[in-house]
Amino acid sequence: MLFTLPLLPLAILIGIVLGALGSGGAILALPVLVYGVSLSVPQAIAVSQIVVGSAALIGALLQSRRGAVRWREASLFALSGLPATTLGAYLGSHLEARHLMLTFAVLVFLAGARLWFFDSQTPSPRPRLPLCLALGALVGLLTGMLGVGGGFLLVPAMIAFAGIDTRAATATSLPVIALNSLTGALQHVPLWSSLLPLVLTFLLATLLGTFLGLALARRASERHLRRSLAILLLAVGAAVALKNL
């Protein structure tokens, strides 16, 4: 099974979005792997987890060197996310592929709508611990079940409930995405270890995109980036839903 050349730009795009916005890129990996590489849904989820987790880890280390990661807030969201990732992996293994993809389509569509209509937020004046833990658990559940990083929920949740600004939330979401995704990947080693050439190629392309995205985030308008990603997610969500209905 070969990772064909036309799909490399898509893997790079996933990394760009992940690096620039800390959200949205990982959610594109699943349809690319299912419909572009013809992996089964469980295989695609496993590959997505190892690729997204590794790319987010590199991004987190780079952002940490710049002092951009708020580790206290990251730990708060990760605390409830880790056990929920295990639960999500269990639920995902007991759902039909078609139902998983329809759930994914709804999630992508909602993520696109949120990016389009709520592209600016005011940080909460003080952290709201119960809501941080609840959102952290939801992100972990979705990561384990669908292989998504959950940044599209983490970033706004960190702004609204942890009281940090958009750029800090973008950086702080990366270690949480990395931890959740790699935890899920460890539960699916047989599914992705047999596809190492594909995993490594996809990962290298995604890492290249992550570096480009981190550079882009310092130069481009965040609003324009978010609006462009919103359109892409709405289109992907509609296409996946139509294909599985």
C-alpha atoms as a PDB file:
ATOM      1  CA  MET A   1       0.000   0.000   0.000  1.00  0.00           C
ATOM      2  CA  LEU A   2       1.725   3.186  -1.147  1.00  0.00           C
ATOM      3  CA  PHE A   3       1.319   6.743   0.026  1.00  0.00           C
ATOM      4  CA  THR A   4       0.910   8.344  -3.371  1.00  0.00           C
ATOM      5  CA  LEU A   5       2.486  11.673  -4.323  1.00  0.00           C
ATOM      6  CA  PRO A   6      -0.799  13.603  -4.796  1.00  0.00           C
ATOM      7  CA  LEU A   7      -1.648  12.995  -1.122  1.00  0.00           C
ATOM      8  CA  LEU A   8       1.571  14.577   0.182  1.00  0.00           C
ATOM      9  CA  PRO A   9       0.171  18.139  -0.094  1.00  0.00           C
ATOM     10  CA  LEU A  10      -2.803  17.052   2.015  1.00  0.00           C
ATOM     11  CA  ALA A  11      -0.493  15.682   4.723  1.00  0.00           C
ATOM     12  CA  ILE A  12       1.469  18.956   4.628  1.00  0.00           C
ATOM     13  CA  LEU A  13      -1.812  20.902   4.876  1.00  0.00           C
ATOM     14  CA  ILE A  14      -2.748  18.939   8.012  1.00  0.00           C
ATOM     15  CA  GLY A  15       0.553  19.967   9.603  1.00  0.00           C
ATOM     16  CA  ILE A  16       0.158  23.613   8.532  1.00  0.00           C
ATOM     17  CA  VAL A  17      -3.265  23.852  10.147  1.00  0.00           C
ATOM     18  CA  LEU A  18      -2.062  22.074  13.288  1.00  0.00           C
ATOM     19  CA  GLY A  19       0.946  24.381  13.625  1.00  0.00           C
ATOM     20  CA  ALA A  20      -0.855  27.619  12.745  1.00  0.00           C
ATOM     21  CA  LEU A  21      -4.076  27.176  14.698  1.00  0.00           C
ATOM     22  CA  GLY A  22      -3.536  24.242  17.065  1.00  0.00           C
ATOM     23  CA  SER A  23      -6.850  22.882  15.843  1.00  0.00           C
ATOM     24  CA  GLY A  24      -8.572  21.463  12.793  1.00  0.00           C
ATOM     25  CA  GLY A  25      -5.597  19.832  11.102  1.00  0.00           C
ATOM     26  CA  ALA A  26      -5.861  16.510  12.861  1.00  0.00           C
ATOM     27  CA  ILE A  27      -9.512  16.205  11.982  1.00  0.00           C
ATOM     28  CA  LEU A  28      -8.584  16.160   8.288  1.00  0.00           C
ATOM     29  CA  ALA A  29      -6.310  13.127   8.675  1.00  0.00           C
ATOM     30  CA  LEU A  30      -9.076  10.528   8.968  1.00  0.00           C
ATOM     31  CA  PRO A  31     -10.842  11.194   5.628  1.00  0.00           C
ATOM     32  CA  VAL A  32      -7.481  11.497   3.844  1.00  0.00           C
ATOM     33  CA  LEU A  33      -6.412   8.083   5.142  1.00  0.00           C
ATOM     34  CA  VAL A  34      -9.778   6.392   4.568  1.00  0.00           C
ATOM     35  CA  TYR A  35     -10.639   7.784   1.127  1.00  0.00           C
ATOM     36  CA  GLY A  36      -7.210   8.794  -0.141  1.00  0.00           C
ATOM     37  CA  VAL A  37      -5.115   5.810   1.003  1.00  0.00           C
ATOM     38  CA  SER A  38      -7.978   3.264   1.228  1.00  0.00           C
ATOM     39  CA  LEU A  39      -7.240   2.213   4.796  1.00  0.00           C
ATOM     40  CA  SER A  40      -9.969   0.613   6.886  1.00  0.00           C
ATOM     41  CA  VAL A  41     -11.511   2.995   9.429  1.00  0.00           C
ATOM     42  CA  PRO A  42      -9.757   1.327  12.431  1.00  0.00           C
ATOM     43  CA  GLN A  43      -6.398   1.475  10.603  1.00  0.00           C
ATOM     44  CA  ALA A  44      -6.960   5.112   9.631  1.00  0.00           C
ATOM     45  CA  ILE A  45      -7.802   6.046  13.231  1.00  0.00           C
ATOM     46  CA  ALA A  46      -4.636   4.338  14.498  1.00  0.00           C
ATOM     47  CA  VAL A  47      -2.392   5.962  11.864  1.00  0.00           C
ATOM     48  CA  SER A  48      -4.024   9.331  12.514  1.00  0.00           C
ATOM     49  CA  GLN A  49      -3.313   9.018  16.230  1.00  0.00           C
ATOM     50  CA  ILE A  50       0.391   8.214  15.839  1.00  0.00           C
ATOM     51  CA  VAL A  51       0.939  10.858  13.136  1.00  0.00           C
ATOM     52  CA  VAL A  52      -1.056  13.632  14.791  1.00  0.00           C
ATOM     53  CA  GLY A  53       0.354  12.822  18.221  1.00  0.00           C
ATOM     54  CA  SER A  54       3.948  12.923  16.979  1.00  0.00           C
ATOM     55  CA  ALA A  55       3.433  16.153  15.014  1.00  0.00           C
ATOM     56  CA  ALA A  56       1.711  17.812  17.987  1.00  0.00           C
ATOM     57  CA  LEU A  57       4.550  16.691  20.275  1.00  0.00           C
ATOM     58  CA  ILE A  58       7.165  18.344  18.051  1.00  0.00           C
ATOM     59  CA  GLY A  59       5.017  21.476  17.827  1.00  0.00           C
ATOM     60  CA  ALA A  60       4.606  21.521  21.619  1.00  0.00           C
ATOM     61  CA  LEU A  61       8.368  21.266  22.180  1.00  0.00           C
ATOM     62  CA  LEU A  62       9.012  24.138  19.762  1.00  0.00           C
ATOM     63  CA  GLN A  63       6.344  26.299  21.375  1.00  0.00           C
ATOM     64  CA  SER A  64       7.649  25.400  24.826  1.00  0.00           C
ATOM     65  CA  ARG A  65      11.128  26.629  23.890  1.00  0.00           C
ATOM     66  CA  ARG A  66       9.538  29.998  23.111  1.00  0.00           C
ATOM     67  CA  GLY A  67       7.778  29.980  26.475  1.00  0.00           C
ATOM     68  CA  ALA A  68       4.352  29.929  24.806  1.00  0.00           C
ATOM     69  CA  VAL A  69       2.926  26.790  26.466  1.00  0.00           C
ATOM     70  CA  ARG A  70       0.969  27.223  29.689  1.00  0.00           C
ATOM     71  CA  TRP A  71       1.827  23.898  31.316  1.00  0.00           C
ATOM     72  CA  ARG A  72      -0.523  24.262  34.289  1.00  0.00           C
ATOM     73  CA  GLU A  73      -3.544  24.634  32.006  1.00  0.00           C
ATOM     74  CA  ALA A  74      -2.285  21.862  29.702  1.00  0.00           C
ATOM     75  CA  SER A  75      -2.008  19.492  32.685  1.00  0.00           C
ATOM     76  CA  LEU A  76      -5.532  20.376  33.755  1.00  0.00           C
ATOM     77  CA  PHE A  77      -7.063  19.353  30.420  1.00  0.00           C
ATOM     78  CA  ALA A  78      -4.837  16.286  30.096  1.00  0.00           C
ATOM     79  CA  LEU A  79      -5.789  15.040  33.563  1.00  0.00           C
ATOM     80  CA  SER A  80      -9.315  14.111  32.499  1.00  0.00           C
ATOM     81  CA  GLY A  81      -8.438  13.451  28.859  1.00  0.00           C
ATOM     82  CA  LEU A  82      -6.199  10.422  29.365  1.00  0.00           C
ATOM     83  CA  PRO A  83      -8.728   8.012  30.955  1.00  0.00           C
ATOM     84  CA  ALA A  84     -11.383   9.200  28.516  1.00  0.00           C
ATOM     85  CA  THR A  85      -9.083   8.323  25.592  1.00  0.00           C
ATOM     86  CA  THR A  86      -9.083   4.688  26.736  1.00  0.00           C
ATOM     87  CA  LEU A  87     -12.882   4.721  26.966  1.00  0.00           C
ATOM     88  CA  GLY A  88     -13.119   6.275  23.496  1.00  0.00           C
ATOM     89  CA  ALA A  89     -10.889   3.570  22.013  1.00  0.00           C
ATOM     90  CA  TYR A  90     -13.134   0.904  23.557  1.00  0.00           C
ATOM     91  CA  LEU A  91     -16.307   2.526  22.190  1.00  0.00           C
ATOM     92  CA  GLY A  92     -14.767   2.979  18.743  1.00  0.00           C
ATOM     93  CA  SER A  93     -13.848  -0.688  18.519  1.00  0.00           C
ATOM     94  CA  HIS A  94     -17.501  -1.646  19.053  1.00  0.00           C
ATOM     95  CA  LEU A  95     -19.064   0.692  16.481  1.00  0.00           C
ATOM     96  CA  GLU A  96     -19.554  -0.043  12.775  1.00  0.00           C
ATOM     97  CA  ALA A  97     -17.256   1.836  10.403  1.00  0.00           C
ATOM     98  CA  ARG A  98     -20.223   3.604   8.778  1.00  0.00           C
ATOM     99  CA  HIS A  99     -21.479   4.862  12.138  1.00  0.00           C
ATOM    100  CA  LEU A 100     -18.001   6.062  13.065  1.00  0.00           C
ATOM    101  CA  MET A 101     -17.696   8.020   9.824  1.00  0.00           C
ATOM    102  CA  LEU A 102     -21.165   9.560  10.217  1.00  0.00           C
ATOM    103  CA  THR A 103     -20.247  10.615  13.772  1.00  0.00           C
ATOM    104  CA  PHE A 104     -17.034  12.023  12.379  1.00  0.00           C
ATOM    105  CA  ALA A 105     -18.929  13.943   9.660  1.00  0.00           C
ATOM    106  CA  VAL A 106     -21.191  15.605  12.237  1.00  0.00           C
ATOM    107  CA  LEU A 107     -18.154  16.496  14.350  1.00  0.00           C
ATOM    108  CA  VAL A 108     -16.298  18.030  11.407  1.00  0.00           C
ATOM    109  CA  PHE A 109     -19.334  20.028  10.332  1.00  0.00           C
ATOM    110  CA  LEU A 110     -19.809  21.392  13.859  1.00  0.00           C
ATOM    111  CA  ALA A 111     -16.104  22.256  14.047  1.00  0.00           C
ATOM    112  CA  GLY A 112     -16.344  24.164  10.766  1.00  0.00           C
ATOM    113  CA  ALA A 113     -19.462  26.031  11.915  1.00  0.00           C
ATOM    114  CA  ARG A 114     -17.798  26.972  15.192  1.00  0.00           C
ATOM    115  CA  LEU A 115     -14.730  28.319  13.407  1.00  0.00           C
ATOM    116  CA  TRP A 116     -16.886  30.381  11.046  1.00  0.00           C
ATOM    117  CA  PHE A 117     -19.335  31.895  13.524  1.00  0.00           C
ATOM    118  CA  PHE A 118     -17.243  32.134  16.682  1.00  0.00           C
ATOM    119  CA  ASP A 119     -13.822  33.233  15.483  1.00  0.00           C
ATOM    120  CA  SER A 120     -13.115  35.599  18.370  1.00  0.00           C
ATOM    121  CA  GLN A 121     -13.419  35.076  22.105  1.00  0.00           C
ATOM    122  CA  THR A 122     -12.681  36.969  25.288  1.00  0.00           C
ATOM    123  CA  PRO A 123     -10.663  34.996  27.847  1.00  0.00           C
ATOM    124  CA  SER A 124     -12.463  34.080  31.045  1.00  0.00           C
ATOM    125  CA  PRO A 125     -11.441  36.304  33.989  1.00  0.00           C
ATOM    126  CA  ARG A 126     -10.687  33.199  36.086  1.00  0.00           C
ATOM    127  CA  PRO A 127     -10.267  29.445  35.463  1.00  0.00           C
ATOM    128  CA  ARG A 128     -13.401  27.315  35.742  1.00  0.00           C
ATOM    129  CA  LEU A 129     -12.095  23.951  36.897  1.00  0.00           C
ATOM    130  CA  PRO A 130     -15.182  21.711  36.425  1.00  0.00           C
ATOM    131  CA  LEU A 131     -15.706  22.853  32.835  1.00  0.00           C
ATOM    132  CA  CYS A 132     -12.003  22.437  32.024  1.00  0.00           C
ATOM    133  CA  LEU A 133     -12.112  18.851  33.288  1.00  0.00           C
ATOM    134  CA  ALA A 134     -15.360  18.105  31.439  1.00  0.00           C
ATOM    135  CA  LEU A 135     -14.057  19.463  28.119  1.00  0.00           C
ATOM    136  CA  GLY A 136     -10.758  17.647  28.632  1.00  0.00           C
ATOM    137  CA  ALA A 137     -12.661  14.382  29.046  1.00  0.00           C
ATOM    138  CA  LEU A 138     -14.750  15.023  25.927  1.00  0.00           C
ATOM    139  CA  VAL A 139     -11.631  15.705  23.858  1.00  0.00           C
ATOM    140  CA  GLY A 140      -9.987  12.510  25.153  1.00  0.00           C
ATOM    141  CA  LEU A 141     -13.106  10.509  24.308  1.00  0.00           C
ATOM    142  CA  LEU A 142     -13.180  11.819  20.726  1.00  0.00           C
ATOM    143  CA  THR A 143      -9.444  11.241  20.303  1.00  0.00           C
ATOM    144  CA  GLY A 144      -9.727   7.612  21.342  1.00  0.00           C
ATOM    145  CA  MET A 145     -12.860   6.956  19.308  1.00  0.00           C
ATOM    146  CA  LEU A 146     -12.142   8.856  16.068  1.00  0.00           C
ATOM    147  CA  GLY A 147      -8.429   9.667  16.079  1.00  0.00           C
ATOM    148  CA  VAL A 148      -9.048  13.435  16.057  1.00  0.00           C
ATOM    149  CA  GLY A 149      -6.751  15.671  18.068  1.00  0.00           C
ATOM    150  CA  GLY A 150      -9.584  17.708  19.538  1.00  0.00           C
ATOM    151  CA  GLY A 151      -7.874  21.071  19.136  1.00  0.00           C
ATOM    152  CA  PHE A 152     -11.052  22.574  17.675  1.00  0.00           C
ATOM    153  CA  LEU A 153     -12.589  22.050  21.140  1.00  0.00           C
ATOM    154  CA  LEU A 154      -9.460  22.576  23.234  1.00  0.00           C
ATOM    155  CA  VAL A 155      -8.525  26.021  21.935  1.00  0.00           C
ATOM    156  CA  PRO A 156     -11.926  27.701  22.553  1.00  0.00           C
ATOM    157  CA  ALA A 157     -12.320  25.809  25.851  1.00  0.00           C
ATOM    158  CA  MET A 158      -8.950  27.065  27.089  1.00  0.00           C
ATOM    159  CA  ILE A 159      -9.919  30.626  26.198  1.00  0.00           C
ATOM    160  CA  ALA A 160     -13.427  30.438  27.659  1.00  0.00           C
ATOM    161  CA  PHE A 161     -12.765  28.338  30.770  1.00  0.00           C
ATOM    162  CA  ALA A 162      -9.018  28.502  31.536  1.00  0.00           C
ATOM    163  CA  GLY A 163      -8.670  32.251  31.040  1.00  0.00           C
ATOM    164  CA  ILE A 164      -5.800  32.328  28.511  1.00  0.00           C
ATOM    165  CA  ASP A 165      -5.650  34.255  25.246  1.00  0.00           C
ATOM    166  CA  THR A 166      -5.907  32.780  21.742  1.00  0.00           C
ATOM    167  CA  ARG A 167      -2.186  32.492  20.976  1.00  0.00           C
ATOM    168  CA  ALA A 168      -1.413  30.909  24.343  1.00  0.00           C
ATOM    169  CA  ALA A 169      -4.351  28.510  23.908  1.00  0.00           C
ATOM    170  CA  THR A 170      -3.108  27.515  20.440  1.00  0.00           C
ATOM    171  CA  ALA A 171       0.316  26.624  21.868  1.00  0.00           C
ATOM    172  CA  THR A 172      -1.073  25.024  25.038  1.00  0.00           C
ATOM    173  CA  SER A 173      -3.431  22.743  23.110  1.00  0.00           C
ATOM    174  CA  LEU A 174      -0.497  20.991  21.408  1.00  0.00           C
ATOM    175  CA  PRO A 175       0.864  18.985  24.393  1.00  0.00           C
ATOM    176  CA  VAL A 176      -2.686  17.892  25.274  1.00  0.00           C
ATOM    177  CA  ILE A 177      -3.303  16.765  21.675  1.00  0.00           C
ATOM    178  CA  ALA A 178       0.045  14.941  21.701  1.00  0.00           C
ATOM    179  CA  LEU A 179      -0.625  13.139  24.980  1.00  0.00           C
ATOM    180  CA  ASN A 180      -4.176  12.088  24.071  1.00  0.00           C
ATOM    181  CA  SER A 181      -3.273  10.986  20.552  1.00  0.00           C
ATOM    182  CA  LEU A 182      -0.165   9.023  21.509  1.00  0.00           C
ATOM    183  CA  THR A 183      -2.069   7.338  24.338  1.00  0.00           C
ATOM    184  CA  GLY A 184      -4.657   6.214  21.780  1.00  0.00           C
ATOM    185  CA  ALA A 185      -1.916   5.081  19.383  1.00  0.00           C
ATOM    186  CA  LEU A 186      -0.349   2.889  22.064  1.00  0.00           C
ATOM    187  CA  GLN A 187      -3.642   1.003  22.307  1.00  0.00           C
ATOM    188  CA  HIS A 188      -3.617   0.335  18.545  1.00  0.00           C
ATOM    189  CA  VAL A 189       0.015  -0.603  17.892  1.00  0.00           C
ATOM    190  CA  PRO A 190      -0.800  -3.690  15.744  1.00  0.00           C
ATOM    191  CA  LEU A 191      -2.958  -1.546  13.442  1.00  0.00           C
ATOM    192  CA  TRP A 192      -0.301   1.048  12.586  1.00  0.00           C
ATOM    193  CA  SER A 193       2.947  -0.895  13.119  1.00  0.00           C
ATOM    194  CA  SER A 194       2.216  -2.983  10.010  1.00  0.00           C
ATOM    195  CA  LEU A 195       2.010   0.262   7.991  1.00  0.00           C
ATOM    196  CA  LEU A 196       5.295   1.865   9.040  1.00  0.00           C
ATOM    197  CA  PRO A 197       6.349   3.130   5.562  1.00  0.00           C
ATOM    198  CA  LEU A 198       3.001   4.889   5.240  1.00  0.00           C
ATOM    199  CA  VAL A 199       3.153   6.197   8.816  1.00  0.00           C
ATOM    200  CA  LEU A 200       6.667   7.598   8.399  1.00  0.00           C
ATOM    201  CA  THR A 201       5.927   9.233   5.035  1.00  0.00           C
ATOM    202  CA  PHE A 202       2.706  10.791   6.297  1.00  0.00           C
ATOM    203  CA  LEU A 203       4.444  11.897   9.495  1.00  0.00           C
ATOM    204  CA  LEU A 204       7.374  13.557   7.702  1.00  0.00           C
ATOM    205  CA  ALA A 205       4.998  15.461   5.420  1.00  0.00           C
ATOM    206  CA  THR A 206       2.862  16.505   8.407  1.00  0.00           C
ATOM    207  CA  LEU A 207       5.936  17.646  10.361  1.00  0.00           C
ATOM    208  CA  LEU A 208       7.033  19.758   7.410  1.00  0.00           C
ATOM    209  CA  GLY A 209       3.590  21.324   7.419  1.00  0.00           C
ATOM    210  CA  THR A 210       3.764  21.884  11.195  1.00  0.00           C
ATOM    211  CA  PHE A 211       6.982  23.894  10.852  1.00  0.00           C
ATOM    212  CA  LEU A 212       5.401  25.934   8.057  1.00  0.00           C
ATOM    213  CA  GLY A 213       2.266  26.441  10.146  1.00  0.00           C
ATOM    214  CA  LEU A 214       4.223  27.692  13.168  1.00  0.00           C
ATOM    215  CA  ALA A 215       5.952  30.238  10.930  1.00  0.00           C
ATOM    216  CA  LEU A 216       2.682  31.193   9.271  1.00  0.00           C
ATOM    217  CA  ALA A 217       1.003  31.785  12.640  1.00  0.00           C
ATOM    218  CA  ARG A 218       3.478  34.579  13.361  1.00  0.00           C
ATOM    219  CA  ARG A 219       2.754  36.383  10.085  1.00  0.00           C
ATOM    220  CA  ALA A 220      -0.750  35.701   8.756  1.00  0.00           C
ATOM    221  CA  SER A 221      -4.097  36.989   9.970  1.00  0.00           C
ATOM    222  CA  GLU A 222      -5.548  34.445  12.388  1.00  0.00           C
ATOM    223  CA  ARG A 223      -9.087  35.403  11.337  1.00  0.00           C
ATOM    224  CA  HIS A 224      -8.382  34.650   7.668  1.00  0.00           C
ATOM    225  CA  LEU A 225      -6.743  31.346   8.569  1.00  0.00           C
ATOM    226  CA  ARG A 226      -9.722  30.308  10.676  1.00  0.00           C
ATOM    227  CA  ARG A 227     -12.268  31.292   8.030  1.00  0.00           C
ATOM    228  CA  SER A 228     -10.393  29.338   5.331  1.00  0.00           C
ATOM    229  CA  LEU A 229     -10.224  26.272   7.565  1.00  0.00           C
ATOM    230  CA  ALA A 230     -13.933  26.625   8.404  1.00  0.00           C
ATOM    231  CA  ILE A 231     -14.869  26.414   4.712  1.00  0.00           C
ATOM    232  CA  LEU A 232     -12.635  23.368   4.262  1.00  0.00           C
ATOM    233  CA  LEU A 233     -14.106  21.571   7.298  1.00  0.00           C
ATOM    234  CA  LEU A 234     -17.700  22.286   6.246  1.00  0.00           C
ATOM    235  CA  ALA A 235     -16.967  20.840   2.814  1.00  0.00           C
ATOM    236  CA  VAL A 236     -15.235  17.747   4.256  1.00  0.00           C
ATOM    237  CA  GLY A 237     -18.048  17.150   6.747  1.00  0.00           C
ATOM    238  CA  ALA A 238     -20.724  17.362   4.029  1.00  0.00           C
ATOM    239  CA  ALA A 239     -18.779  15.085   1.677  1.00  0.00           C
ATOM    240  CA  VAL A 240     -18.157  12.391   4.305  1.00  0.00           C
ATOM    241  CA  ALA A 241     -21.804  12.500   5.414  1.00  0.00           C
ATOM    242  CA  LEU A 242     -23.103  12.131   1.834  1.00  0.00           C
ATOM    243  CA  LYS A 243     -20.744   9.237   1.160  1.00  0.00           C
ATOM    244  CA  ASN A 244     -21.930   7.302   4.213  1.00  0.00           C
ATOM    245  CA  LEU A 245     -25.665   8.030   4.121  1.00  0.00           C
END
